[in-house]
Amino acid sequence: MMDKRDFAFDKMNYLLLSVGMIIVVIGFLLMTGPASTETAFEPDIFSARRVKVAPVVCLFGFVSMIYAVVRKPKEK
């Protein structure tokens, strides 16, 4: 029989991990937008949202996921 102490993560770890994953997905969605073609240049590919904001959001998401993995569950 599996005891609750046998699991490496608790509910809070999984919650933090899922929030971090959602933040990473939001960061990747912020990177999307119109692309340049061979005939037309799209200056929006160098916008601050795609070059600065989105990578910082992704980095924050990855750091929060790392924290969720290394966080030690509370002992009762």
PDB file of N, CA and C in Angstrom:
ATOM      1  N   MET A   1       0.845  -1.188   0.000  1.00  0.00           N
ATOM      2  CA  MET A   1       0.000   0.000   0.000  1.00  0.00           C
ATOM      3  C   MET A   1       0.886   1.246   0.000  1.00  0.00           C
ATOM      4  N   MET A   2       0.517   2.233  -0.817  1.00  0.00           N
ATOM      5  CA  MET A   2       1.308   3.457  -0.939  1.00  0.00           C
ATOM      6  C   MET A   2       0.946   4.411   0.191  1.00  0.00           C
ATOM      7  N   ASP A   3       1.961   4.890   0.849  1.00  0.00           N
ATOM      8  CA  ASP A   3       1.752   5.865   1.907  1.00  0.00           C
ATOM      9  C   ASP A   3       1.988   7.248   1.330  1.00  0.00           C
ATOM     10  N   LYS A   4       1.385   8.267   1.908  1.00  0.00           N
ATOM     11  CA  LYS A   4       1.523   9.630   1.405  1.00  0.00           C
ATOM     12  C   LYS A   4       2.971  10.111   1.486  1.00  0.00           C
ATOM     13  N   ARG A   5       3.749   9.574   2.400  1.00  0.00           N
ATOM     14  CA  ARG A   5       5.141  10.005   2.552  1.00  0.00           C
ATOM     15  C   ARG A   5       6.042   9.462   1.450  1.00  0.00           C
ATOM     16  N   ASP A   6       5.559   8.512   0.635  1.00  0.00           N
ATOM     17  CA  ASP A   6       6.374   7.926  -0.414  1.00  0.00           C
ATOM     18  C   ASP A   6       6.481   8.819  -1.646  1.00  0.00           C
ATOM     19  N   PHE A   7       5.632   9.811  -1.759  1.00  0.00           N
ATOM     20  CA  PHE A   7       5.663  10.683  -2.916  1.00  0.00           C
ATOM     21  C   PHE A   7       6.690  11.798  -2.722  1.00  0.00           C
ATOM     22  N   ALA A   8       7.392  12.140  -3.809  1.00  0.00           N
ATOM     23  CA  ALA A   8       8.407  13.189  -3.727  1.00  0.00           C
ATOM     24  C   ALA A   8       7.764  14.577  -3.687  1.00  0.00           C
ATOM     25  N   PHE A   9       6.619  14.726  -4.350  1.00  0.00           N
ATOM     26  CA  PHE A   9       5.944  16.020  -4.424  1.00  0.00           C
ATOM     27  C   PHE A   9       4.647  15.969  -3.640  1.00  0.00           C
ATOM     28  N   ASP A  10       4.240  17.138  -3.155  1.00  0.00           N
ATOM     29  CA  ASP A  10       2.915  17.241  -2.563  1.00  0.00           C
ATOM     30  C   ASP A  10       2.037  18.083  -3.500  1.00  0.00           C
ATOM     31  N   LYS A  11       0.842  18.379  -3.038  1.00  0.00           N
ATOM     32  CA  LYS A  11      -0.114  19.112  -3.872  1.00  0.00           C
ATOM     33  C   LYS A  11       0.418  20.488  -4.262  1.00  0.00           C
ATOM     34  N   MET A  12       1.108  21.164  -3.339  1.00  0.00           N
ATOM     35  CA  MET A  12       1.631  22.497  -3.615  1.00  0.00           C
ATOM     36  C   MET A  12       2.708  22.456  -4.700  1.00  0.00           C
ATOM     37  N   ASN A  13       3.554  21.416  -4.692  1.00  0.00           N
ATOM     38  CA  ASN A  13       4.572  21.288  -5.732  1.00  0.00           C
ATOM     39  C   ASN A  13       3.921  21.191  -7.116  1.00  0.00           C
ATOM     40  N   TYR A  14       2.899  20.349  -7.225  1.00  0.00           N
ATOM     41  CA  TYR A  14       2.215  20.197  -8.511  1.00  0.00           C
ATOM     42  C   TYR A  14       1.510  21.482  -8.921  1.00  0.00           C
ATOM     43  N   LEU A  15       0.953  22.195  -7.976  1.00  0.00           N
ATOM     44  CA  LEU A  15       0.299  23.466  -8.280  1.00  0.00           C
ATOM     45  C   LEU A  15       1.324  24.487  -8.790  1.00  0.00           C
ATOM     46  N   LEU A  16       2.458  24.608  -8.109  1.00  0.00           N
ATOM     47  CA  LEU A  16       3.504  25.535  -8.548  1.00  0.00           C
ATOM     48  C   LEU A  16       4.062  25.142  -9.903  1.00  0.00           C
ATOM     49  N   LEU A  17       4.197  23.843 -10.144  1.00  0.00           N
ATOM     50  CA  LEU A  17       4.702  23.358 -11.424  1.00  0.00           C
ATOM     51  C   LEU A  17       3.737  23.698 -12.554  1.00  0.00           C
ATOM     52  N   SER A  18       2.448  23.527 -12.315  1.00  0.00           N
ATOM     53  CA  SER A  18       1.475  23.842 -13.356  1.00  0.00           C
ATOM     54  C   SER A  18       1.386  25.352 -13.600  1.00  0.00           C
ATOM     55  N   VAL A  19       1.498  26.155 -12.552  1.00  0.00           N
ATOM     56  CA  VAL A  19       1.497  27.614 -12.735  1.00  0.00           C
ATOM     57  C   VAL A  19       2.728  28.043 -13.541  1.00  0.00           C
ATOM     58  N   GLY A  20       3.878  27.458 -13.237  1.00  0.00           N
ATOM     59  CA  GLY A  20       5.088  27.764 -14.003  1.00  0.00           C
ATOM     60  C   GLY A  20       4.939  27.390 -15.462  1.00  0.00           C
ATOM     61  N   MET A  21       4.320  26.244 -15.732  1.00  0.00           N
ATOM     62  CA  MET A  21       4.111  25.826 -17.115  1.00  0.00           C
ATOM     63  C   MET A  21       3.168  26.779 -17.839  1.00  0.00           C
ATOM     64  N   ILE A  22       2.145  27.245 -17.163  1.00  0.00           N
ATOM     65  CA  ILE A  22       1.212  28.209 -17.767  1.00  0.00           C
ATOM     66  C   ILE A  22       1.939  29.517 -18.079  1.00  0.00           C
ATOM     67  N   ILE A  23       2.832  29.960 -17.192  1.00  0.00           N
ATOM     68  CA  ILE A  23       3.599  31.190 -17.427  1.00  0.00           C
ATOM     69  C   ILE A  23       4.500  31.029 -18.643  1.00  0.00           C
ATOM     70  N   VAL A  24       5.125  29.858 -18.793  1.00  0.00           N
ATOM     71  CA  VAL A  24       5.985  29.605 -19.960  1.00  0.00           C
ATOM     72  C   VAL A  24       5.160  29.634 -21.243  1.00  0.00           C
ATOM     73  N   VAL A  25       3.986  29.016 -21.214  1.00  0.00           N
ATOM     74  CA  VAL A  25       3.122  29.028 -22.401  1.00  0.00           C
ATOM     75  C   VAL A  25       2.705  30.457 -22.745  1.00  0.00           C
ATOM     76  N   ILE A  26       2.394  31.264 -21.741  1.00  0.00           N
ATOM     77  CA  ILE A  26       2.050  32.676 -21.985  1.00  0.00           C
ATOM     78  C   ILE A  26       3.233  33.398 -22.622  1.00  0.00           C
ATOM     79  N   GLY A  27       4.448  33.117 -22.136  1.00  0.00           N
ATOM     80  CA  GLY A  27       5.629  33.737 -22.729  1.00  0.00           C
ATOM     81  C   GLY A  27       5.808  33.369 -24.189  1.00  0.00           C
ATOM     82  N   PHE A  28       5.588  32.096 -24.527  1.00  0.00           N
ATOM     83  CA  PHE A  28       5.693  31.687 -25.926  1.00  0.00           C
ATOM     84  C   PHE A  28       4.588  32.301 -26.772  1.00  0.00           C
ATOM     85  N   LEU A  29       3.403  32.455 -26.207  1.00  0.00           N
ATOM     86  CA  LEU A  29       2.328  33.106 -26.957  1.00  0.00           C
ATOM     87  C   LEU A  29       2.637  34.578 -27.209  1.00  0.00           C
ATOM     88  N   LEU A  30       3.333  35.215 -26.254  1.00  0.00           N
ATOM     89  CA  LEU A  30       3.725  36.618 -26.465  1.00  0.00           C
ATOM     90  C   LEU A  30       4.755  36.750 -27.585  1.00  0.00           C
ATOM     91  N   MET A  31       5.500  35.694 -27.872  1.00  0.00           N
ATOM     92  CA  MET A  31       6.492  35.738 -28.954  1.00  0.00           C
ATOM     93  C   MET A  31       5.869  35.608 -30.334  1.00  0.00           C
ATOM     94  N   THR A  32       4.623  35.142 -30.417  1.00  0.00           N
ATOM     95  CA  THR A  32       4.018  34.924 -31.724  1.00  0.00           C
ATOM     96  C   THR A  32       3.616  36.243 -32.361  1.00  0.00           C
ATOM     97  N   GLY A  33       3.432  36.207 -33.657  1.00  0.00           N
ATOM     98  CA  GLY A  33       3.028  37.381 -34.401  1.00  0.00           C
ATOM     99  C   GLY A  33       3.307  37.191 -35.866  1.00  0.00           C
ATOM    100  N   PRO A  34       3.073  38.231 -36.644  1.00  0.00           N
ATOM    101  CA  PRO A  34       3.306  38.108 -38.090  1.00  0.00           C
ATOM    102  C   PRO A  34       4.782  37.901 -38.404  1.00  0.00           C
ATOM    103  N   ALA A  35       5.038  37.143 -39.439  1.00  0.00           N
ATOM    104  CA  ALA A  35       6.413  36.840 -39.849  1.00  0.00           C
ATOM    105  C   ALA A  35       6.760  37.595 -41.126  1.00  0.00           C
ATOM    106  N   SER A  36       8.034  37.783 -41.352  1.00  0.00           N
ATOM    107  CA  SER A  36       8.498  38.373 -42.604  1.00  0.00           C
ATOM    108  C   SER A  36       8.483  37.306 -43.694  1.00  0.00           C
ATOM    109  N   THR A  37       8.236  37.751 -44.906  1.00  0.00           N
ATOM    110  CA  THR A  37       8.298  36.847 -46.054  1.00  0.00           C
ATOM    111  C   THR A  37       9.439  37.296 -46.957  1.00  0.00           C
ATOM    112  N   GLU A  38       9.636  36.573 -48.043  1.00  0.00           N
ATOM    113  CA  GLU A  38      10.709  36.962 -48.963  1.00  0.00           C
ATOM    114  C   GLU A  38      10.397  38.261 -49.679  1.00  0.00           C
ATOM    115  N   THR A  39       9.125  38.598 -49.789  1.00  0.00           N
ATOM    116  CA  THR A  39       8.745  39.814 -50.516  1.00  0.00           C
ATOM    117  C   THR A  39       8.437  40.993 -49.610  1.00  0.00           C
ATOM    118  N   ALA A  40       8.123  40.744 -48.346  1.00  0.00           N
ATOM    119  CA  ALA A  40       7.744  41.841 -47.446  1.00  0.00           C
ATOM    120  C   ALA A  40       8.443  41.671 -46.097  1.00  0.00           C
ATOM    121  N   PHE A  41       9.018  42.766 -45.615  1.00  0.00           N
ATOM    122  CA  PHE A  41       9.662  42.766 -44.302  1.00  0.00           C
ATOM    123  C   PHE A  41       8.645  43.197 -43.255  1.00  0.00           C
ATOM    124  N   GLU A  42       8.580  42.477 -42.170  1.00  0.00           N
ATOM    125  CA  GLU A  42       7.670  42.802 -41.074  1.00  0.00           C
ATOM    126  C   GLU A  42       8.492  43.351 -39.910  1.00  0.00           C
ATOM    127  N   PRO A  43       8.443  44.660 -39.641  1.00  0.00           N
ATOM    128  CA  PRO A  43       9.258  45.223 -38.553  1.00  0.00           C
ATOM    129  C   PRO A  43       8.811  44.792 -37.162  1.00  0.00           C
ATOM    130  N   ASP A  44       7.615  44.198 -37.051  1.00  0.00           N
ATOM    131  CA  ASP A  44       7.112  43.764 -35.741  1.00  0.00           C
ATOM    132  C   ASP A  44       7.925  42.611 -35.159  1.00  0.00           C
ATOM    133  N   ILE A  45       8.759  41.968 -35.975  1.00  0.00           N
ATOM    134  CA  ILE A  45       9.564  40.874 -35.425  1.00  0.00           C
ATOM    135  C   ILE A  45      10.593  41.384 -34.427  1.00  0.00           C
ATOM    136  N   PHE A  46      10.870  42.669 -34.440  1.00  0.00           N
ATOM    137  CA  PHE A  46      11.813  43.263 -33.493  1.00  0.00           C
ATOM    138  C   PHE A  46      11.114  44.098 -32.421  1.00  0.00           C
ATOM    139  N   SER A  47       9.827  43.868 -32.198  1.00  0.00           N
ATOM    140  CA  SER A  47       9.095  44.647 -31.193  1.00  0.00           C
ATOM    141  C   SER A  47       9.583  44.271 -29.794  1.00  0.00           C
ATOM    142  N   ALA A  48       9.402  45.181 -28.867  1.00  0.00           N
ATOM    143  CA  ALA A  48       9.853  44.953 -27.482  1.00  0.00           C
ATOM    144  C   ALA A  48       9.118  43.780 -26.852  1.00  0.00           C
ATOM    145  N   ARG A  49       7.868  43.590 -27.224  1.00  0.00           N
ATOM    146  CA  ARG A  49       7.101  42.471 -26.668  1.00  0.00           C
ATOM    147  C   ARG A  49       7.723  41.137 -27.063  1.00  0.00           C
ATOM    148  N   ARG A  50       8.160  41.011 -28.301  1.00  0.00           N
ATOM    149  CA  ARG A  50       8.695  39.736 -28.784  1.00  0.00           C
ATOM    150  C   ARG A  50      10.157  39.529 -28.425  1.00  0.00           C
ATOM    151  N   VAL A  51      10.915  40.603 -28.261  1.00  0.00           N
ATOM    152  CA  VAL A  51      12.346  40.477 -28.030  1.00  0.00           C
ATOM    153  C   VAL A  51      12.721  40.595 -26.554  1.00  0.00           C
ATOM    154  N   LYS A  52      11.985  41.379 -25.779  1.00  0.00           N
ATOM    155  CA  LYS A  52      12.345  41.608 -24.374  1.00  0.00           C
ATOM    156  C   LYS A  52      11.352  41.018 -23.388  1.00  0.00           C
ATOM    157  N   VAL A  53      10.080  41.318 -23.555  1.00  0.00           N
ATOM    158  CA  VAL A  53       9.071  40.927 -22.562  1.00  0.00           C
ATOM    159  C   VAL A  53       8.855  39.419 -22.556  1.00  0.00           C
ATOM    160  N   ALA A  54       8.627  38.822 -23.709  1.00  0.00           N
ATOM    161  CA  ALA A  54       8.321  37.395 -23.784  1.00  0.00           C
ATOM    162  C   ALA A  54       9.447  36.512 -23.246  1.00  0.00           C
ATOM    163  N   PRO A  55      10.723  36.757 -23.590  1.00  0.00           N
ATOM    164  CA  PRO A  55      11.779  35.924 -23.003  1.00  0.00           C
ATOM    165  C   PRO A  55      11.883  36.062 -21.481  1.00  0.00           C
ATOM    166  N   VAL A  56      11.634  37.253 -20.946  1.00  0.00           N
ATOM    167  CA  VAL A  56      11.673  37.431 -19.494  1.00  0.00           C
ATOM    168  C   VAL A  56      10.524  36.671 -18.833  1.00  0.00           C
ATOM    169  N   VAL A  57       9.349  36.692 -19.460  1.00  0.00           N
ATOM    170  CA  VAL A  57       8.212  35.935 -18.931  1.00  0.00           C
ATOM    171  C   VAL A  57       8.526  34.442 -18.945  1.00  0.00           C
ATOM    172  N   CYS A  58       9.114  33.946 -20.043  1.00  0.00           N
ATOM    173  CA  CYS A  58       9.494  32.530 -20.123  1.00  0.00           C
ATOM    174  C   CYS A  58      10.545  32.194 -19.066  1.00  0.00           C
ATOM    175  N   LEU A  59      11.518  33.048 -18.895  1.00  0.00           N
ATOM    176  CA  LEU A  59      12.551  32.806 -17.889  1.00  0.00           C
ATOM    177  C   LEU A  59      11.932  32.731 -16.495  1.00  0.00           C
ATOM    178  N   PHE A  60      11.020  33.637 -16.189  1.00  0.00           N
ATOM    179  CA  PHE A  60      10.338  33.614 -14.900  1.00  0.00           C
ATOM    180  C   PHE A  60       9.560  32.312 -14.723  1.00  0.00           C
ATOM    181  N   GLY A  61       8.924  31.853 -15.792  1.00  0.00           N
ATOM    182  CA  GLY A  61       8.192  30.591 -15.728  1.00  0.00           C
ATOM    183  C   GLY A  61       9.106  29.407 -15.481  1.00  0.00           C
ATOM    184  N   PHE A  62      10.255  29.377 -16.176  1.00  0.00           N
ATOM    185  CA  PHE A  62      11.199  28.277 -15.981  1.00  0.00           C
ATOM    186  C   PHE A  62      11.795  28.299 -14.576  1.00  0.00           C
ATOM    187  N   VAL A  63      12.105  29.482 -14.058  1.00  0.00           N
ATOM    188  CA  VAL A  63      12.647  29.590 -12.704  1.00  0.00           C
ATOM    189  C   VAL A  63      11.608  29.133 -11.685  1.00  0.00           C
ATOM    190  N   SER A  64      10.353  29.495 -11.897  1.00  0.00           N
ATOM    191  CA  SER A  64       9.323  29.055 -10.956  1.00  0.00           C
ATOM    192  C   SER A  64       9.109  27.541 -11.042  1.00  0.00           C
ATOM    193  N   MET A  65       9.281  26.955 -12.219  1.00  0.00           N
ATOM    194  CA  MET A  65       9.185  25.495 -12.345  1.00  0.00           C
ATOM    195  C   MET A  65      10.351  24.812 -11.631  1.00  0.00           C
ATOM    196  N   ILE A  66      11.536  25.384 -11.732  1.00  0.00           N
ATOM    197  CA  ILE A  66      12.690  24.821 -11.023  1.00  0.00           C
ATOM    198  C   ILE A  66      12.456  24.890  -9.522  1.00  0.00           C
ATOM    199  N   TYR A  67      11.920  26.015  -9.059  1.00  0.00           N
ATOM    200  CA  TYR A  67      11.602  26.138  -7.631  1.00  0.00           C
ATOM    201  C   TYR A  67      10.588  25.075  -7.207  1.00  0.00           C
ATOM    202  N   ALA A  68       9.590  24.833  -8.057  1.00  0.00           N
ATOM    203  CA  ALA A  68       8.562  23.841  -7.720  1.00  0.00           C
ATOM    204  C   ALA A  68       9.157  22.446  -7.607  1.00  0.00           C
ATOM    205  N   VAL A  69      10.183  22.157  -8.401  1.00  0.00           N
ATOM    206  CA  VAL A  69      10.809  20.834  -8.358  1.00  0.00           C
ATOM    207  C   VAL A  69      11.696  20.687  -7.127  1.00  0.00           C
ATOM    208  N   VAL A  70      12.455  21.720  -6.778  1.00  0.00           N
ATOM    209  CA  VAL A  70      13.398  21.601  -5.661  1.00  0.00           C
ATOM    210  C   VAL A  70      12.759  21.917  -4.307  1.00  0.00           C
ATOM    211  N   ARG A  71      11.532  22.439  -4.309  1.00  0.00           N
ATOM    212  CA  ARG A  71      10.845  22.744  -3.052  1.00  0.00           C
ATOM    213  C   ARG A  71      10.591  21.464  -2.283  1.00  0.00           C
ATOM    214  N   LYS A  72      10.922  21.496  -1.032  1.00  0.00           N
ATOM    215  CA  LYS A  72      10.740  20.325  -0.165  1.00  0.00           C
ATOM    216  C   LYS A  72       9.351  20.369   0.457  1.00  0.00           C
ATOM    217  N   PRO A  73       8.575  19.291   0.328  1.00  0.00           N
ATOM    218  CA  PRO A  73       7.242  19.283   0.954  1.00  0.00           C
ATOM    219  C   PRO A  73       7.341  19.399   2.464  1.00  0.00           C
ATOM    220  N   LYS A  74       6.351  20.036   3.050  1.00  0.00           N
ATOM    221  CA  LYS A  74       6.329  20.199   4.508  1.00  0.00           C
ATOM    222  C   LYS A  74       6.050  18.850   5.185  1.00  0.00           C
ATOM    223  N   GLU A  75       6.793  18.591   6.230  1.00  0.00           N
ATOM    224  CA  GLU A  75       6.556  17.374   7.018  1.00  0.00           C
ATOM    225  C   GLU A  75       5.475  17.639   8.044  1.00  0.00           C
ATOM    226  N   LYS A  76       4.571  16.683   8.217  1.00  0.00           N
ATOM    227  CA  LYS A  76       3.493  16.870   9.193  1.00  0.00           C
ATOM    228  C   LYS A  76       3.819  16.178  10.478  1.00  0.00           C
TER     229      LYS A  76
END
